[in-house]
């Protein structure tokens, strides 16, 4: 399987939860240079919400969300 971790050359959001009992992990890299990582279900949920609200696609529509 390919490495799906985002990089500055391949920005994006990656979330992993290998089993129901394991904590989720997440990483995000935006083309604007912002980066973030999180461990734990609640922290990863906050990472995803923040990334989708302020980075990634939010940049494509000028932040109008």
N, C-alpha and C. Protein backbone atom coordinates (compact mmCIF):
# COMPACT_ATOMS: atom_id res chain seq x y z
N UNK A 1 0.84 -1.17 0.00
CA UNK A 1 0.00 0.00 0.00
C UNK A 1 0.89 1.24 0.00
N UNK A 2 0.50 2.23 -0.74
CA UNK A 2 1.26 3.48 -0.85
C UNK A 2 1.16 4.27 0.45
N UNK A 3 2.20 5.07 0.70
CA UNK A 3 2.19 5.97 1.84
C UNK A 3 1.22 7.12 1.54
N UNK A 4 0.20 7.25 2.35
CA UNK A 4 -0.83 8.26 2.13
C UNK A 4 -0.64 9.51 2.98
N UNK A 5 0.48 9.59 3.70
CA UNK A 5 0.75 10.75 4.54
C UNK A 5 0.92 11.99 3.68
N UNK A 6 0.19 13.06 3.97
CA UNK A 6 0.34 14.27 3.18
C UNK A 6 1.72 14.90 3.34
N UNK A 7 2.18 15.54 2.28
CA UNK A 7 3.46 16.25 2.28
C UNK A 7 3.25 17.60 1.61
N UNK A 8 4.21 18.50 1.69
CA UNK A 8 4.07 19.77 0.98
C UNK A 8 3.89 19.58 -0.53
N UNK A 9 4.48 18.52 -1.09
CA UNK A 9 4.30 18.24 -2.51
C UNK A 9 2.96 17.56 -2.81
N UNK A 10 2.39 16.90 -1.80
CA UNK A 10 1.09 16.22 -1.94
C UNK A 10 0.22 16.61 -0.75
N UNK A 11 -0.28 17.86 -0.71
CA UNK A 11 -1.07 18.29 0.44
C UNK A 11 -2.37 17.50 0.55
N UNK A 12 -2.89 17.45 1.75
CA UNK A 12 -4.16 16.76 1.97
C UNK A 12 -4.35 16.41 3.42
N UNK A 13 -5.27 15.53 3.64
CA UNK A 13 -5.67 15.10 4.98
C UNK A 13 -5.65 13.59 5.01
N UNK A 14 -5.04 13.00 6.03
CA UNK A 14 -5.02 11.54 6.17
C UNK A 14 -5.41 11.17 7.59
N UNK A 15 -6.35 10.26 7.71
CA UNK A 15 -6.83 9.77 9.00
C UNK A 15 -6.74 8.26 9.00
N UNK A 16 -6.29 7.70 10.12
CA UNK A 16 -6.18 6.26 10.25
C UNK A 16 -6.74 5.83 11.60
N UNK A 17 -7.45 4.71 11.59
CA UNK A 17 -7.95 4.08 12.83
C UNK A 17 -7.92 2.58 12.57
N UNK A 18 -6.79 1.94 12.89
CA UNK A 18 -6.59 0.55 12.50
C UNK A 18 -7.57 -0.45 13.12
N UNK A 19 -8.14 -0.11 14.25
CA UNK A 19 -9.14 -1.00 14.87
C UNK A 19 -10.06 -0.16 15.74
N UNK A 20 -11.24 -0.69 16.07
CA UNK A 20 -12.17 0.08 16.90
C UNK A 20 -11.60 0.46 18.27
N UNK A 21 -10.65 -0.31 18.77
CA UNK A 21 -10.09 -0.05 20.09
C UNK A 21 -8.84 0.82 20.06
N UNK A 22 -8.30 1.08 18.88
CA UNK A 22 -7.09 1.90 18.75
C UNK A 22 -7.48 3.36 18.59
N UNK A 23 -6.65 4.26 19.08
CA UNK A 23 -6.93 5.68 18.88
C UNK A 23 -6.70 6.07 17.42
N UNK A 24 -7.48 6.98 16.94
CA UNK A 24 -7.29 7.51 15.59
C UNK A 24 -6.05 8.37 15.56
N UNK A 25 -5.42 8.45 14.39
CA UNK A 25 -4.32 9.38 14.16
C UNK A 25 -4.63 10.14 12.89
N UNK A 26 -4.16 11.36 12.82
CA UNK A 26 -4.41 12.15 11.62
C UNK A 26 -3.29 13.12 11.36
N UNK A 27 -3.12 13.46 10.09
CA UNK A 27 -2.16 14.48 9.70
C UNK A 27 -2.74 15.28 8.55
N UNK A 28 -2.37 16.53 8.50
CA UNK A 28 -2.86 17.42 7.45
C UNK A 28 -1.74 18.34 7.01
N UNK A 29 -1.67 18.57 5.71
CA UNK A 29 -0.75 19.53 5.13
C UNK A 29 -1.53 20.29 4.08
N UNK A 30 -1.49 21.62 4.16
CA UNK A 30 -2.20 22.46 3.20
C UNK A 30 -1.20 23.07 2.23
N UNK A 31 -1.65 23.37 1.04
CA UNK A 31 -0.77 24.00 0.06
C UNK A 31 -0.32 25.39 0.50
N UNK A 32 -0.98 25.99 1.50
CA UNK A 32 -0.57 27.30 2.03
C UNK A 32 0.61 27.17 3.00
N UNK A 33 0.97 25.91 3.35
CA UNK A 33 2.09 25.69 4.26
C UNK A 33 1.70 25.25 5.65
N UNK A 34 0.44 25.32 6.01
CA UNK A 34 -0.01 24.89 7.34
C UNK A 34 0.09 23.37 7.46
N UNK A 35 0.52 22.91 8.64
CA UNK A 35 0.59 21.48 8.92
C UNK A 35 0.04 21.21 10.31
N UNK A 36 -0.47 20.01 10.51
CA UNK A 36 -0.99 19.63 11.83
C UNK A 36 -1.03 18.11 11.93
N UNK A 37 -0.90 17.61 13.16
CA UNK A 37 -1.08 16.20 13.45
C UNK A 37 -1.94 16.07 14.70
N UNK A 38 -2.57 14.93 14.84
CA UNK A 38 -3.41 14.69 16.01
C UNK A 38 -3.44 13.20 16.33
N UNK A 39 -3.60 12.89 17.61
CA UNK A 39 -3.75 11.52 18.07
C UNK A 39 -4.92 11.48 19.04
N UNK A 40 -5.79 10.50 18.86
CA UNK A 40 -6.98 10.37 19.70
C UNK A 40 -8.20 10.78 18.90
N UNK A 41 -9.29 10.08 19.13
CA UNK A 41 -10.50 10.29 18.33
C UNK A 41 -10.99 11.73 18.36
N UNK A 42 -11.07 12.33 19.53
CA UNK A 42 -11.60 13.70 19.62
C UNK A 42 -10.65 14.70 18.96
N UNK A 43 -9.35 14.51 19.15
CA UNK A 43 -8.38 15.42 18.56
C UNK A 43 -8.37 15.31 17.04
N UNK A 44 -8.49 14.09 16.52
CA UNK A 44 -8.52 13.89 15.07
C UNK A 44 -9.80 14.49 14.49
N UNK A 45 -10.91 14.35 15.19
CA UNK A 45 -12.16 14.97 14.72
C UNK A 45 -11.98 16.49 14.63
N UNK A 46 -11.35 17.09 15.62
CA UNK A 46 -11.11 18.54 15.60
C UNK A 46 -10.16 18.91 14.47
N UNK A 47 -9.15 18.09 14.21
CA UNK A 47 -8.22 18.34 13.10
C UNK A 47 -8.97 18.34 11.77
N UNK A 48 -9.82 17.36 11.55
CA UNK A 48 -10.59 17.27 10.31
C UNK A 48 -11.51 18.48 10.16
N UNK A 49 -12.20 18.83 11.22
CA UNK A 49 -13.11 19.98 11.16
C UNK A 49 -12.36 21.28 10.88
N UNK A 50 -11.22 21.47 11.53
CA UNK A 50 -10.42 22.67 11.31
C UNK A 50 -9.84 22.73 9.90
N UNK A 51 -9.37 21.59 9.41
CA UNK A 51 -8.79 21.55 8.06
C UNK A 51 -9.85 21.84 7.01
N UNK A 52 -11.00 21.21 7.13
CA UNK A 52 -12.04 21.41 6.12
C UNK A 52 -12.63 22.82 6.18
N UNK A 53 -12.64 23.43 7.35
CA UNK A 53 -13.19 24.79 7.48
C UNK A 53 -12.21 25.86 7.03
N UNK A 54 -10.90 25.61 7.20
CA UNK A 54 -9.92 26.68 7.00
C UNK A 54 -8.84 26.40 5.97
N UNK A 55 -8.74 25.19 5.48
CA UNK A 55 -7.68 24.83 4.54
C UNK A 55 -8.28 23.96 3.44
N UNK A 56 -7.43 23.37 2.63
CA UNK A 56 -7.92 22.49 1.57
C UNK A 56 -8.92 23.19 0.67
N UNK A 57 -10.10 22.65 0.61
CA UNK A 57 -11.15 23.21 -0.27
C UNK A 57 -11.56 24.63 0.12
N UNK A 58 -11.40 25.01 1.39
CA UNK A 58 -11.77 26.36 1.81
C UNK A 58 -10.95 27.41 1.07
N UNK A 59 -9.74 27.09 0.69
CA UNK A 59 -8.91 28.02 -0.08
C UNK A 59 -9.43 28.18 -1.50
N UNK A 60 -10.03 27.14 -2.04
CA UNK A 60 -10.49 27.18 -3.43
C UNK A 60 -11.69 28.09 -3.63
N UNK A 61 -12.47 28.31 -2.58
CA UNK A 61 -13.63 29.20 -2.72
C UNK A 61 -13.41 30.52 -1.98
N UNK A 62 -12.13 30.84 -1.72
CA UNK A 62 -11.81 32.10 -1.05
C UNK A 62 -12.20 32.13 0.41
N UNK A 63 -12.44 30.97 1.02
CA UNK A 63 -12.81 30.91 2.42
C UNK A 63 -14.30 31.17 2.68
N UNK A 64 -15.09 31.25 1.61
CA UNK A 64 -16.53 31.50 1.78
C UNK A 64 -17.24 30.19 2.09
N UNK A 65 -17.43 29.90 3.36
CA UNK A 65 -18.12 28.68 3.76
C UNK A 65 -19.04 28.98 4.88
